[in-house]
N, C-alpha and C. Protein backbone atom coordinates (compact mmCIF):
# COMPACT_ATOMS: atom_id res chain seq x y z
N MET A 1 44.70 -37.01 24.76
CA MET A 1 44.59 -36.73 26.18
C MET A 1 44.35 -38.00 26.98
N LEU A 2 43.59 -38.93 26.41
CA LEU A 2 43.29 -40.18 27.12
C LEU A 2 44.57 -40.97 27.37
N ASN A 3 45.43 -41.09 26.35
CA ASN A 3 46.68 -41.82 26.52
C ASN A 3 47.56 -41.17 27.59
N THR A 4 47.58 -39.85 27.59
CA THR A 4 48.37 -39.13 28.60
C THR A 4 47.85 -39.41 29.99
N ALA A 5 46.53 -39.36 30.13
CA ALA A 5 45.91 -39.62 31.44
C ALA A 5 46.21 -41.02 31.92
N LEU A 6 46.18 -41.97 31.00
CA LEU A 6 46.46 -43.36 31.37
C LEU A 6 47.92 -43.53 31.77
N GLU A 7 48.80 -42.86 31.03
CA GLU A 7 50.24 -42.94 31.35
C GLU A 7 50.53 -42.32 32.72
N LEU A 8 49.86 -41.21 33.00
CA LEU A 8 50.08 -40.52 34.27
C LEU A 8 49.35 -41.19 35.43
N LYS A 9 48.38 -42.04 35.09
CA LYS A 9 47.53 -42.69 36.11
C LYS A 9 46.84 -41.65 37.00
N PHE A 10 46.38 -40.56 36.32
CA PHE A 10 45.70 -39.47 37.02
C PHE A 10 44.21 -39.58 36.72
N GLU A 11 43.45 -40.10 37.67
CA GLU A 11 42.07 -40.48 37.41
C GLU A 11 41.13 -39.33 37.07
N PRO A 12 41.27 -38.15 37.71
CA PRO A 12 40.38 -37.04 37.30
C PRO A 12 40.54 -36.68 35.82
N LEU A 13 41.78 -36.67 35.34
CA LEU A 13 42.02 -36.39 33.93
C LEU A 13 41.50 -37.52 33.06
N GLU A 14 41.71 -38.75 33.50
CA GLU A 14 41.20 -39.89 32.73
C GLU A 14 39.68 -39.85 32.63
N MET A 15 39.02 -39.47 33.71
CA MET A 15 37.56 -39.42 33.72
C MET A 15 37.03 -38.49 32.63
N HIS A 16 37.61 -37.29 32.54
CA HIS A 16 37.15 -36.34 31.53
C HIS A 16 37.56 -36.78 30.12
N ALA A 17 38.72 -37.39 30.02
CA ALA A 17 39.17 -37.90 28.72
C ALA A 17 38.28 -39.04 28.24
N GLN A 18 37.91 -39.93 29.15
CA GLN A 18 37.04 -41.04 28.79
C GLN A 18 35.65 -40.53 28.40
N LEU A 19 35.17 -39.49 29.10
CA LEU A 19 33.87 -38.91 28.74
C LEU A 19 33.92 -38.31 27.35
N GLY A 20 35.01 -37.59 27.04
CA GLY A 20 35.16 -37.02 25.71
C GLY A 20 35.23 -38.10 24.63
N PHE A 21 35.91 -39.19 24.94
CA PHE A 21 36.01 -40.32 24.01
C PHE A 21 34.65 -40.94 23.78
N CYS A 22 33.87 -41.07 24.86
CA CYS A 22 32.51 -41.62 24.76
C CYS A 22 31.63 -40.74 23.87
N LEU A 23 31.75 -39.43 24.04
CA LEU A 23 30.96 -38.49 23.23
C LEU A 23 31.35 -38.59 21.75
N MET A 24 32.64 -38.73 21.49
CA MET A 24 33.11 -38.86 20.11
C MET A 24 32.53 -40.12 19.47
N LEU A 25 32.53 -41.22 20.21
CA LEU A 25 31.99 -42.48 19.69
C LEU A 25 30.49 -42.35 19.40
N LEU A 26 29.77 -41.63 20.27
CA LEU A 26 28.34 -41.42 20.03
C LEU A 26 28.12 -40.63 18.74
N ARG A 27 28.93 -39.62 18.53
CA ARG A 27 28.75 -38.75 17.35
C ARG A 27 28.97 -39.49 16.04
N VAL A 28 29.81 -40.53 16.07
CA VAL A 28 30.06 -41.28 14.84
C VAL A 28 29.26 -42.59 14.79
N GLY A 29 28.34 -42.75 15.74
CA GLY A 29 27.43 -43.89 15.69
C GLY A 29 28.02 -45.21 16.15
N ARG A 30 29.11 -45.18 16.91
CA ARG A 30 29.72 -46.42 17.40
C ARG A 30 29.20 -46.68 18.82
N TYR A 31 27.94 -47.10 18.88
CA TYR A 31 27.21 -47.13 20.15
C TYR A 31 27.69 -48.22 21.11
N ASP A 32 28.03 -49.38 20.61
CA ASP A 32 28.51 -50.44 21.49
C ASP A 32 29.81 -50.02 22.16
N GLU A 33 30.70 -49.41 21.39
CA GLU A 33 31.96 -48.95 21.95
C GLU A 33 31.75 -47.80 22.93
N ALA A 34 30.78 -46.93 22.62
CA ALA A 34 30.47 -45.82 23.52
C ALA A 34 29.97 -46.34 24.87
N GLU A 35 29.15 -47.38 24.81
CA GLU A 35 28.62 -47.96 26.04
C GLU A 35 29.76 -48.54 26.90
N LYS A 36 30.70 -49.20 26.26
CA LYS A 36 31.83 -49.77 26.99
C LYS A 36 32.70 -48.67 27.59
N ALA A 37 32.96 -47.62 26.82
CA ALA A 37 33.75 -46.50 27.34
C ALA A 37 33.05 -45.84 28.51
N GLY A 38 31.71 -45.78 28.43
CA GLY A 38 30.93 -45.15 29.47
C GLY A 38 31.01 -45.85 30.81
N ILE A 39 31.22 -47.16 30.79
CA ILE A 39 31.33 -47.91 32.05
C ILE A 39 32.48 -47.40 32.89
N ARG A 40 33.61 -47.11 32.22
CA ARG A 40 34.77 -46.57 32.93
C ARG A 40 34.49 -45.15 33.42
N VAL A 41 33.76 -44.36 32.65
CA VAL A 41 33.39 -43.01 33.08
C VAL A 41 32.59 -43.09 34.37
N LYS A 42 31.61 -43.97 34.40
CA LYS A 42 30.76 -44.13 35.59
C LYS A 42 31.59 -44.54 36.80
N GLU A 43 32.47 -45.48 36.60
CA GLU A 43 33.32 -45.95 37.69
C GLU A 43 34.14 -44.81 38.28
N LEU A 44 34.75 -44.02 37.40
CA LEU A 44 35.59 -42.92 37.85
C LEU A 44 34.77 -41.79 38.47
N ALA A 45 33.61 -41.48 37.87
CA ALA A 45 32.77 -40.40 38.38
C ALA A 45 32.26 -40.73 39.78
N GLU A 46 31.90 -41.98 40.01
CA GLU A 46 31.43 -42.38 41.33
C GLU A 46 32.57 -42.34 42.34
N LYS A 47 33.75 -42.75 41.91
CA LYS A 47 34.92 -42.73 42.79
C LYS A 47 35.31 -41.30 43.15
N GLN A 48 35.24 -40.39 42.16
CA GLN A 48 35.59 -38.99 42.39
C GLN A 48 34.42 -38.18 42.97
N GLU A 49 33.26 -38.82 43.08
CA GLU A 49 32.04 -38.15 43.55
C GLU A 49 31.73 -36.92 42.70
N ASP A 50 31.90 -37.08 41.40
CA ASP A 50 31.64 -35.99 40.45
C ASP A 50 30.27 -36.21 39.82
N LYS A 51 29.27 -35.56 40.38
CA LYS A 51 27.90 -35.76 39.94
C LYS A 51 27.65 -35.19 38.54
N LYS A 52 28.36 -34.14 38.19
CA LYS A 52 28.17 -33.54 36.87
C LYS A 52 28.58 -34.51 35.77
N VAL A 53 29.72 -35.15 35.95
CA VAL A 53 30.18 -36.14 34.98
C VAL A 53 29.28 -37.36 35.00
N LEU A 54 28.84 -37.77 36.18
CA LEU A 54 27.95 -38.93 36.29
C LEU A 54 26.65 -38.66 35.52
N ALA A 55 26.11 -37.46 35.65
CA ALA A 55 24.88 -37.11 34.93
C ALA A 55 25.11 -37.14 33.42
N ALA A 56 26.26 -36.63 32.98
CA ALA A 56 26.58 -36.65 31.54
C ALA A 56 26.68 -38.09 31.04
N PHE A 57 27.30 -38.94 31.84
CA PHE A 57 27.40 -40.36 31.48
C PHE A 57 26.02 -40.98 31.32
N LEU A 58 25.13 -40.73 32.28
CA LEU A 58 23.79 -41.32 32.24
C LEU A 58 23.02 -40.86 31.00
N ASN A 59 23.17 -39.58 30.66
CA ASN A 59 22.50 -39.06 29.46
C ASN A 59 23.05 -39.73 28.20
N ASN A 60 24.37 -39.90 28.16
CA ASN A 60 24.99 -40.56 27.01
C ASN A 60 24.57 -42.02 26.90
N LEU A 61 24.52 -42.69 28.03
CA LEU A 61 24.09 -44.09 28.02
C LEU A 61 22.62 -44.19 27.60
N GLY A 62 21.83 -43.18 27.97
CA GLY A 62 20.44 -43.14 27.52
C GLY A 62 20.35 -43.02 26.02
N THR A 63 21.27 -42.25 25.41
CA THR A 63 21.31 -42.11 23.96
C THR A 63 21.59 -43.45 23.30
N VAL A 64 22.50 -44.23 23.89
CA VAL A 64 22.80 -45.56 23.36
C VAL A 64 21.54 -46.43 23.40
N ALA A 65 20.85 -46.43 24.54
CA ALA A 65 19.62 -47.23 24.67
C ALA A 65 18.56 -46.75 23.68
N HIS A 66 18.46 -45.44 23.51
CA HIS A 66 17.50 -44.84 22.57
C HIS A 66 17.77 -45.36 21.16
N GLU A 67 19.03 -45.31 20.76
CA GLU A 67 19.41 -45.78 19.42
C GLU A 67 19.15 -47.27 19.23
N GLN A 68 19.25 -48.03 20.30
CA GLN A 68 19.05 -49.47 20.22
C GLN A 68 17.58 -49.87 20.36
N GLY A 69 16.70 -48.87 20.47
CA GLY A 69 15.27 -49.15 20.59
C GLY A 69 14.84 -49.58 21.97
N LYS A 70 15.71 -49.41 22.96
CA LYS A 70 15.36 -49.76 24.35
C LYS A 70 14.81 -48.51 25.04
N TYR A 71 13.59 -48.16 24.66
CA TYR A 71 13.05 -46.86 25.03
C TYR A 71 12.77 -46.72 26.53
N ASP A 72 12.34 -47.76 27.19
CA ASP A 72 12.12 -47.69 28.63
C ASP A 72 13.44 -47.46 29.37
N ASP A 73 14.48 -48.18 28.95
CA ASP A 73 15.80 -47.99 29.56
C ASP A 73 16.30 -46.58 29.31
N ALA A 74 16.10 -46.09 28.09
CA ALA A 74 16.56 -44.73 27.75
C ALA A 74 15.86 -43.70 28.63
N GLU A 75 14.56 -43.84 28.80
CA GLU A 75 13.82 -42.87 29.62
C GLU A 75 14.32 -42.87 31.06
N LYS A 76 14.55 -44.05 31.60
CA LYS A 76 15.03 -44.16 32.98
C LYS A 76 16.38 -43.47 33.13
N LEU A 77 17.28 -43.68 32.19
CA LEU A 77 18.61 -43.07 32.25
C LEU A 77 18.54 -41.56 32.08
N TYR A 78 17.73 -41.09 31.15
CA TYR A 78 17.57 -39.64 30.97
C TYR A 78 16.99 -39.00 32.23
N GLN A 79 16.02 -39.66 32.85
CA GLN A 79 15.41 -39.11 34.06
C GLN A 79 16.41 -39.07 35.21
N GLU A 80 17.24 -40.09 35.32
CA GLU A 80 18.28 -40.10 36.36
C GLU A 80 19.24 -38.94 36.15
N SER A 81 19.63 -38.72 34.90
CA SER A 81 20.52 -37.62 34.57
C SER A 81 19.87 -36.28 34.93
N LEU A 82 18.62 -36.11 34.57
CA LEU A 82 17.90 -34.87 34.85
C LEU A 82 17.82 -34.62 36.36
N LYS A 83 17.53 -35.67 37.11
CA LYS A 83 17.41 -35.53 38.56
C LYS A 83 18.71 -35.02 39.18
N ILE A 84 19.84 -35.60 38.76
CA ILE A 84 21.14 -35.18 39.29
C ILE A 84 21.44 -33.74 38.89
N CYS A 85 21.18 -33.41 37.63
CA CYS A 85 21.45 -32.04 37.16
C CYS A 85 20.64 -31.01 37.93
N ARG A 86 19.40 -31.33 38.25
CA ARG A 86 18.58 -30.41 39.05
C ARG A 86 19.12 -30.29 40.47
N GLU A 87 19.58 -31.40 41.01
CA GLU A 87 20.13 -31.38 42.38
C GLU A 87 21.36 -30.49 42.48
N ILE A 88 22.22 -30.52 41.47
CA ILE A 88 23.47 -29.75 41.53
C ILE A 88 23.39 -28.41 40.82
N GLY A 89 22.24 -28.11 40.21
CA GLY A 89 22.07 -26.83 39.53
C GLY A 89 22.82 -26.70 38.23
N ASP A 90 23.03 -27.82 37.53
CA ASP A 90 23.73 -27.81 36.23
C ASP A 90 22.73 -27.48 35.13
N ARG A 91 22.67 -26.23 34.73
CA ARG A 91 21.63 -25.79 33.79
C ARG A 91 21.85 -26.36 32.39
N TYR A 92 23.11 -26.47 31.98
CA TYR A 92 23.37 -27.11 30.69
C TYR A 92 22.89 -28.57 30.74
N GLY A 93 23.20 -29.27 31.80
CA GLY A 93 22.78 -30.65 31.95
C GLY A 93 21.27 -30.79 31.98
N ILE A 94 20.60 -29.83 32.62
CA ILE A 94 19.13 -29.85 32.65
C ILE A 94 18.58 -29.72 31.24
N ALA A 95 19.11 -28.76 30.48
CA ALA A 95 18.65 -28.56 29.11
C ALA A 95 18.91 -29.79 28.25
N ALA A 96 20.11 -30.36 28.38
CA ALA A 96 20.47 -31.53 27.57
C ALA A 96 19.58 -32.73 27.90
N SER A 97 19.31 -32.94 29.19
CA SER A 97 18.47 -34.07 29.60
C SER A 97 17.02 -33.89 29.13
N LEU A 98 16.50 -32.67 29.27
CA LEU A 98 15.14 -32.39 28.79
C LEU A 98 15.05 -32.57 27.28
N ASN A 99 16.10 -32.15 26.59
CA ASN A 99 16.16 -32.29 25.14
C ASN A 99 16.08 -33.76 24.75
N SER A 100 16.89 -34.59 25.43
CA SER A 100 16.91 -36.02 25.14
C SER A 100 15.54 -36.66 25.42
N LEU A 101 14.96 -36.29 26.55
CA LEU A 101 13.63 -36.82 26.90
C LEU A 101 12.58 -36.39 25.88
N GLY A 102 12.65 -35.12 25.45
CA GLY A 102 11.68 -34.63 24.48
C GLY A 102 11.75 -35.39 23.17
N LEU A 103 12.96 -35.61 22.68
CA LEU A 103 13.12 -36.34 21.43
C LEU A 103 12.62 -37.78 21.58
N LEU A 104 12.94 -38.40 22.71
CA LEU A 104 12.48 -39.77 22.97
C LEU A 104 10.96 -39.84 22.99
N HIS A 105 10.33 -38.89 23.65
CA HIS A 105 8.88 -38.92 23.77
C HIS A 105 8.16 -38.58 22.46
N VAL A 106 8.82 -37.83 21.58
CA VAL A 106 8.26 -37.67 20.23
C VAL A 106 8.28 -39.03 19.53
N LYS A 107 9.41 -39.72 19.66
CA LYS A 107 9.56 -41.03 19.02
C LYS A 107 8.52 -42.02 19.51
N THR A 108 8.21 -41.97 20.81
CA THR A 108 7.28 -42.95 21.39
C THR A 108 5.84 -42.42 21.47
N ASN A 109 5.61 -41.26 20.84
CA ASN A 109 4.26 -40.67 20.77
C ASN A 109 3.70 -40.23 22.11
N ASN A 110 4.56 -39.96 23.07
CA ASN A 110 4.12 -39.34 24.33
C ASN A 110 4.25 -37.82 24.16
N LEU A 111 3.36 -37.26 23.35
CA LEU A 111 3.56 -35.90 22.87
C LEU A 111 3.33 -34.83 23.93
N LYS A 112 2.47 -35.10 24.90
CA LYS A 112 2.27 -34.13 25.99
C LYS A 112 3.56 -33.96 26.78
N PHE A 113 4.20 -35.08 27.12
CA PHE A 113 5.47 -35.01 27.83
C PHE A 113 6.53 -34.33 26.97
N ALA A 114 6.57 -34.69 25.69
CA ALA A 114 7.56 -34.11 24.79
C ALA A 114 7.44 -32.60 24.74
N ARG A 115 6.22 -32.11 24.64
CA ARG A 115 6.00 -30.67 24.58
C ARG A 115 6.52 -29.98 25.83
N GLU A 116 6.18 -30.52 27.00
CA GLU A 116 6.62 -29.91 28.26
C GLU A 116 8.14 -29.92 28.38
N GLU A 117 8.74 -31.02 27.98
CA GLU A 117 10.20 -31.14 28.09
C GLU A 117 10.92 -30.21 27.13
N LEU A 118 10.41 -30.08 25.91
CA LEU A 118 11.07 -29.23 24.93
C LEU A 118 10.86 -27.75 25.24
N ILE A 119 9.73 -27.40 25.82
CA ILE A 119 9.55 -26.03 26.30
C ILE A 119 10.59 -25.73 27.39
N GLY A 120 10.76 -26.69 28.31
CA GLY A 120 11.76 -26.51 29.36
C GLY A 120 13.16 -26.41 28.80
N ASP A 121 13.48 -27.25 27.85
CA ASP A 121 14.81 -27.25 27.23
C ASP A 121 15.09 -25.91 26.56
N LEU A 122 14.19 -25.45 25.71
CA LEU A 122 14.44 -24.21 24.97
C LEU A 122 14.47 -23.00 25.90
N SER A 123 13.67 -23.03 26.96
CA SER A 123 13.67 -21.91 27.92
C SER A 123 15.03 -21.78 28.59
N VAL A 124 15.57 -22.91 29.06
CA VAL A 124 16.89 -22.89 29.70
C VAL A 124 17.99 -22.59 28.68
N SER A 125 17.90 -23.21 27.51
CA SER A 125 18.94 -23.02 26.49
C SER A 125 19.04 -21.57 26.05
N LYS A 126 17.91 -20.88 25.95
CA LYS A 126 17.92 -19.45 25.60
C LYS A 126 18.65 -18.64 26.67
N GLU A 127 18.40 -18.99 27.93
CA GLU A 127 19.00 -18.24 29.03
C GLU A 127 20.50 -18.43 29.10
N ILE A 128 20.98 -19.66 28.84
CA ILE A 128 22.42 -19.92 28.96
C ILE A 128 23.15 -19.79 27.63
N SER A 129 22.39 -19.58 26.55
CA SER A 129 22.97 -19.38 25.20
C SER A 129 23.90 -20.51 24.80
N ASN A 130 23.44 -21.74 25.03
CA ASN A 130 24.28 -22.90 24.68
C ASN A 130 23.99 -23.36 23.26
N LEU A 131 25.03 -23.38 22.43
CA LEU A 131 24.87 -23.71 21.01
C LEU A 131 24.27 -25.10 20.81
N GLN A 132 24.83 -26.10 21.50
CA GLN A 132 24.38 -27.48 21.31
C GLN A 132 22.91 -27.66 21.66
N THR A 133 22.53 -27.23 22.85
CA THR A 133 21.15 -27.48 23.28
C THR A 133 20.15 -26.62 22.51
N LEU A 134 20.58 -25.45 22.02
CA LEU A 134 19.69 -24.64 21.20
C LEU A 134 19.43 -25.32 19.85
N ILE A 135 20.50 -25.75 19.18
CA ILE A 135 20.34 -26.37 17.86
C ILE A 135 19.60 -27.70 17.97
N GLU A 136 20.01 -28.54 18.90
CA GLU A 136 19.36 -29.84 19.02
C GLU A 136 17.97 -29.72 19.62
N GLY A 137 17.75 -28.69 20.45
CA GLY A 137 16.40 -28.43 20.93
C GLY A 137 15.47 -28.02 19.81
N LEU A 138 15.99 -27.22 18.88
CA LEU A 138 15.19 -26.84 17.71
C LEU A 138 14.89 -28.05 16.84
N MET A 139 15.87 -28.92 16.68
CA MET A 139 15.65 -30.12 15.87
C MET A 139 14.59 -31.02 16.49
N ALA A 140 14.70 -31.22 17.81
CA ALA A 140 13.72 -32.05 18.49
C ALA A 140 12.33 -31.40 18.44
N SER A 141 12.29 -30.09 18.62
CA SER A 141 11.00 -29.37 18.58
C SER A 141 10.37 -29.46 17.20
N SER A 142 11.19 -29.39 16.17
CA SER A 142 10.64 -29.47 14.81
C SER A 142 9.98 -30.82 14.56
N THR A 143 10.57 -31.90 15.12
CA THR A 143 9.96 -33.22 14.92
C THR A 143 8.59 -33.28 15.58
N LEU A 144 8.47 -32.65 16.75
CA LEU A 144 7.17 -32.63 17.44
C LEU A 144 6.16 -31.78 16.66
N LEU A 145 6.58 -30.60 16.22
CA LEU A 145 5.66 -29.70 15.51
C LEU A 145 5.15 -30.34 14.22
N ILE A 146 6.04 -30.96 13.49
CA ILE A 146 5.62 -31.63 12.25
C ILE A 146 4.69 -32.79 12.56
N LYS A 147 4.96 -33.50 13.64
CA LYS A 147 4.14 -34.65 14.00
C LYS A 147 2.71 -34.25 14.36
N VAL A 148 2.55 -33.05 14.93
CA VAL A 148 1.20 -32.61 15.31
C VAL A 148 0.55 -31.77 14.21
N GLY A 149 1.18 -31.71 13.04
CA GLY A 149 0.55 -31.05 11.91
C GLY A 149 0.97 -29.62 11.66
N GLU A 150 1.91 -29.11 12.45
CA GLU A 150 2.42 -27.75 12.23
C GLU A 150 3.57 -27.81 11.23
N PHE A 151 3.22 -28.14 9.99
CA PHE A 151 4.26 -28.43 9.00
C PHE A 151 5.11 -27.22 8.66
N GLU A 152 4.49 -26.08 8.46
CA GLU A 152 5.25 -24.90 8.09
C GLU A 152 6.16 -24.44 9.23
N LYS A 153 5.59 -24.37 10.44
CA LYS A 153 6.37 -23.88 11.59
C LYS A 153 7.48 -24.87 11.96
N GLY A 154 7.16 -26.15 11.92
CA GLY A 154 8.18 -27.15 12.20
C GLY A 154 9.29 -27.14 11.17
N SER A 155 8.92 -26.97 9.91
CA SER A 155 9.93 -26.92 8.85
C SER A 155 10.81 -25.69 8.98
N LEU A 156 10.21 -24.56 9.34
CA LEU A 156 10.99 -23.34 9.53
C LEU A 156 12.02 -23.53 10.64
N ALA A 157 11.58 -24.13 11.75
CA ALA A 157 12.50 -24.36 12.88
C ALA A 157 13.64 -25.28 12.47
N LEU A 158 13.33 -26.31 11.72
CA LEU A 158 14.36 -27.27 11.32
C LEU A 158 15.32 -26.68 10.28
N ILE A 159 14.77 -25.97 9.29
CA ILE A 159 15.62 -25.35 8.28
C ILE A 159 16.57 -24.35 8.95
N GLY A 160 16.01 -23.58 9.89
CA GLY A 160 16.83 -22.60 10.60
C GLY A 160 17.90 -23.25 11.45
N ALA A 161 17.55 -24.32 12.15
CA ALA A 161 18.53 -25.02 12.99
C ALA A 161 19.66 -25.60 12.15
N THR A 162 19.30 -26.19 11.02
CA THR A 162 20.30 -26.78 10.12
C THR A 162 21.22 -25.71 9.56
N HIS A 163 20.64 -24.57 9.20
CA HIS A 163 21.43 -23.44 8.68
C HIS A 163 22.40 -22.92 9.74
N GLN A 164 21.91 -22.77 10.97
CA GLN A 164 22.76 -22.27 12.05
C GLN A 164 23.89 -23.25 12.37
N ALA A 165 23.58 -24.54 12.33
CA ALA A 165 24.61 -25.55 12.58
C ALA A 165 25.73 -25.44 11.56
N LYS A 166 25.38 -25.22 10.30
CA LYS A 166 26.39 -25.07 9.25
C LYS A 166 27.20 -23.80 9.44
N LEU A 167 26.50 -22.71 9.76
CA LEU A 167 27.18 -21.43 9.98
C LEU A 167 28.20 -21.51 11.10
N LYS A 168 27.84 -22.22 12.15
CA LYS A 168 28.68 -22.28 13.35
C LYS A 168 29.55 -23.53 13.39
N ASN A 169 29.54 -24.27 12.27
CA ASN A 169 30.39 -25.47 12.14
C ASN A 169 30.14 -26.46 13.27
N TYR A 170 28.86 -26.66 13.59
CA TYR A 170 28.48 -27.60 14.65
C TYR A 170 27.83 -28.84 14.04
N ASN A 171 28.28 -30.00 14.45
CA ASN A 171 27.70 -31.26 13.97
C ASN A 171 26.77 -31.83 15.03
N PRO A 172 25.46 -31.78 14.81
CA PRO A 172 24.52 -32.31 15.80
C PRO A 172 24.69 -33.82 15.97
N TYR A 173 24.25 -34.31 17.11
CA TYR A 173 24.27 -35.76 17.32
C TYR A 173 23.43 -36.43 16.23
N PRO A 174 23.89 -37.56 15.68
CA PRO A 174 23.17 -38.25 14.61
C PRO A 174 21.72 -38.56 14.97
N LEU A 175 21.46 -38.89 16.23
CA LEU A 175 20.10 -39.23 16.66
C LEU A 175 19.15 -38.07 16.40
N PHE A 176 19.55 -36.86 16.77
CA PHE A 176 18.70 -35.68 16.57
C PHE A 176 18.55 -35.37 15.09
N GLN A 177 19.66 -35.43 14.38
CA GLN A 177 19.64 -35.09 12.96
C GLN A 177 18.77 -36.07 12.18
N ARG A 178 18.89 -37.34 12.49
CA ARG A 178 18.15 -38.36 11.74
C ARG A 178 16.63 -38.24 11.96
N GLN A 179 16.22 -38.08 13.21
CA GLN A 179 14.77 -37.96 13.46
C GLN A 179 14.22 -36.69 12.85
N ALA A 180 15.00 -35.61 12.87
CA ALA A 180 14.55 -34.36 12.26
C ALA A 180 14.44 -34.50 10.75
N GLU A 181 15.39 -35.18 10.15
CA GLU A 181 15.34 -35.37 8.69
C GLU A 181 14.15 -36.23 8.29
N GLU A 182 13.82 -37.22 9.09
CA GLU A 182 12.63 -38.05 8.82
C GLU A 182 11.37 -37.19 8.86
N ALA A 183 11.30 -36.29 9.86
CA ALA A 183 10.15 -35.40 9.96
C ALA A 183 10.08 -34.45 8.77
N MET A 184 11.25 -33.96 8.34
CA MET A 184 11.29 -33.02 7.22
C MET A 184 10.82 -33.68 5.94
N ARG A 185 11.17 -34.94 5.74
CA ARG A 185 10.70 -35.64 4.54
C ARG A 185 9.18 -35.74 4.54
N GLN A 186 8.60 -35.90 5.70
CA GLN A 186 7.14 -35.94 5.80
C GLN A 186 6.54 -34.59 5.43
N ALA A 187 7.15 -33.51 5.96
CA ALA A 187 6.65 -32.17 5.68
C ALA A 187 6.77 -31.83 4.20
N GLU A 188 7.85 -32.25 3.57
CA GLU A 188 8.09 -31.94 2.16
C GLU A 188 7.03 -32.54 1.25
N LYS A 189 6.39 -33.61 1.69
CA LYS A 189 5.32 -34.22 0.91
C LYS A 189 4.05 -33.38 0.91
N LEU A 190 3.95 -32.50 1.91
CA LEU A 190 2.72 -31.74 2.11
C LEU A 190 2.86 -30.25 1.81
N LEU A 191 4.09 -29.80 1.62
CA LEU A 191 4.33 -28.39 1.32
C LEU A 191 4.80 -28.25 -0.13
N SER A 192 4.40 -27.17 -0.75
CA SER A 192 4.81 -26.94 -2.14
C SER A 192 6.25 -26.45 -2.21
N VAL A 193 6.82 -26.51 -3.40
CA VAL A 193 8.18 -26.02 -3.61
C VAL A 193 8.25 -24.54 -3.25
N GLU A 194 7.23 -23.79 -3.63
CA GLU A 194 7.20 -22.35 -3.33
C GLU A 194 7.15 -22.10 -1.82
N GLU A 195 6.35 -22.87 -1.12
CA GLU A 195 6.26 -22.72 0.34
C GLU A 195 7.60 -23.04 1.00
N LEU A 196 8.25 -24.09 0.55
CA LEU A 196 9.54 -24.47 1.12
C LEU A 196 10.61 -23.42 0.82
N ARG A 197 10.54 -22.84 -0.37
CA ARG A 197 11.51 -21.79 -0.73
C ARG A 197 11.33 -20.57 0.16
N GLU A 198 10.08 -20.21 0.41
CA GLU A 198 9.80 -19.06 1.28
C GLU A 198 10.23 -19.33 2.72
N LEU A 199 9.98 -20.54 3.21
CA LEU A 199 10.39 -20.91 4.57
C LEU A 199 11.91 -20.86 4.71
N LYS A 200 12.61 -21.35 3.71
CA LYS A 200 14.07 -21.34 3.73
C LYS A 200 14.60 -19.91 3.79
N SER A 201 14.04 -19.05 2.96
CA SER A 201 14.46 -17.65 2.93
C SER A 201 14.23 -16.99 4.29
N ARG A 202 13.07 -17.26 4.87
CA ARG A 202 12.73 -16.66 6.17
C ARG A 202 13.62 -17.22 7.28
N ALA A 203 13.79 -18.54 7.31
CA ALA A 203 14.56 -19.18 8.38
C ALA A 203 16.01 -18.73 8.38
N GLU A 204 16.59 -18.55 7.21
CA GLU A 204 18.00 -18.21 7.11
C GLU A 204 18.27 -16.74 7.45
N ARG A 205 17.22 -15.95 7.61
CA ARG A 205 17.38 -14.56 8.06
C ARG A 205 17.28 -14.44 9.58
N MET A 206 16.89 -15.52 10.25
CA MET A 206 16.68 -15.48 11.69
C MET A 206 17.94 -15.92 12.44
N THR A 207 18.16 -15.31 13.61
CA THR A 207 19.26 -15.74 14.47
C THR A 207 18.84 -17.00 15.23
N LEU A 208 19.82 -17.62 15.87
CA LEU A 208 19.53 -18.83 16.63
C LEU A 208 18.55 -18.55 17.77
N LYS A 209 18.73 -17.44 18.46
CA LYS A 209 17.83 -17.11 19.57
C LYS A 209 16.44 -16.75 19.05
N GLU A 210 16.36 -16.11 17.90
CA GLU A 210 15.05 -15.81 17.30
C GLU A 210 14.33 -17.09 16.93
N LEU A 211 15.06 -18.05 16.39
CA LEU A 211 14.47 -19.35 16.05
C LEU A 211 13.97 -20.06 17.30
N ALA A 212 14.78 -20.00 18.37
CA ALA A 212 14.38 -20.65 19.62
C ALA A 212 13.13 -19.99 20.20
N ALA A 213 13.07 -18.67 20.14
CA ALA A 213 11.89 -17.95 20.65
C ALA A 213 10.66 -18.31 19.81
N PHE A 214 10.84 -18.41 18.50
CA PHE A 214 9.73 -18.80 17.61
C PHE A 214 9.23 -20.20 17.95
N ALA A 215 10.15 -21.15 18.10
CA ALA A 215 9.76 -22.53 18.41
C ALA A 215 9.10 -22.61 19.78
N LEU A 216 9.63 -21.86 20.73
CA LEU A 216 9.08 -21.86 22.07
C LEU A 216 7.64 -21.34 22.09
N THR A 217 7.42 -20.24 21.41
CA THR A 217 6.07 -19.66 21.32
C THR A 217 5.11 -20.64 20.62
N THR A 218 5.58 -21.28 19.58
CA THR A 218 4.75 -22.24 18.84
C THR A 218 4.39 -23.43 19.72
N LEU A 219 5.38 -23.97 20.45
CA LEU A 219 5.13 -25.11 21.34
C LEU A 219 4.12 -24.74 22.42
N GLU A 220 4.27 -23.54 22.97
CA GLU A 220 3.36 -23.09 24.03
C GLU A 220 1.94 -22.93 23.50
N GLY A 221 1.82 -22.66 22.19
CA GLY A 221 0.51 -22.40 21.61
C GLY A 221 -0.24 -23.64 21.11
N ILE A 222 0.45 -24.79 21.05
CA ILE A 222 -0.24 -25.96 20.50
C ILE A 222 -1.09 -26.70 21.52
N GLY A 223 -0.99 -26.32 22.80
CA GLY A 223 -1.83 -26.96 23.81
C GLY A 223 -1.41 -28.39 24.08
N ASP A 224 -2.22 -29.06 24.88
CA ASP A 224 -1.94 -30.44 25.26
C ASP A 224 -2.56 -31.43 24.30
């Protein structure tokens, strides 16, 4: 589609094609190339006055900064994306931005902010039934729950999210998957084989929305 858009010199089509290309690069971990592709997305989105695409670009650029360890830059970009999404009423964008912020704040140990953001993410994601933000919201929430010592509940959320991703043939962003796997390795050191087997059995019987409701209730119950 990108080549077609370039041949036609049709900028609205190129804008969406470049955004899709940027997302693909992020998914395979080619962050420098994703950042370069994103520059063109920003240029076109500003020219077309397309705030929805601009917000998506900012969130993606925040992911690049997050991966590069530039956490202050990542937070600023995620917040800019969230602000635009709230202004235009883009509920998917709101959930995605909150999800990104929550994962970042788990990484940087700002756990109060992470909890609030992930509660917001899962609440919106449940309402709009978005596969991506539900699965990645569960992954981000599991990292927080495990970090605060809720090993069983965090593990259940993560096992369930991973199972649902496989069932629905969805590949989570590497950033979410990697941080969740790191948290799971920590939990596995503290849970017995029998406990993990029981959690797996229970998690795989739950639907995606049931898992989200479980994680949401757990997050609300852990306090500040």
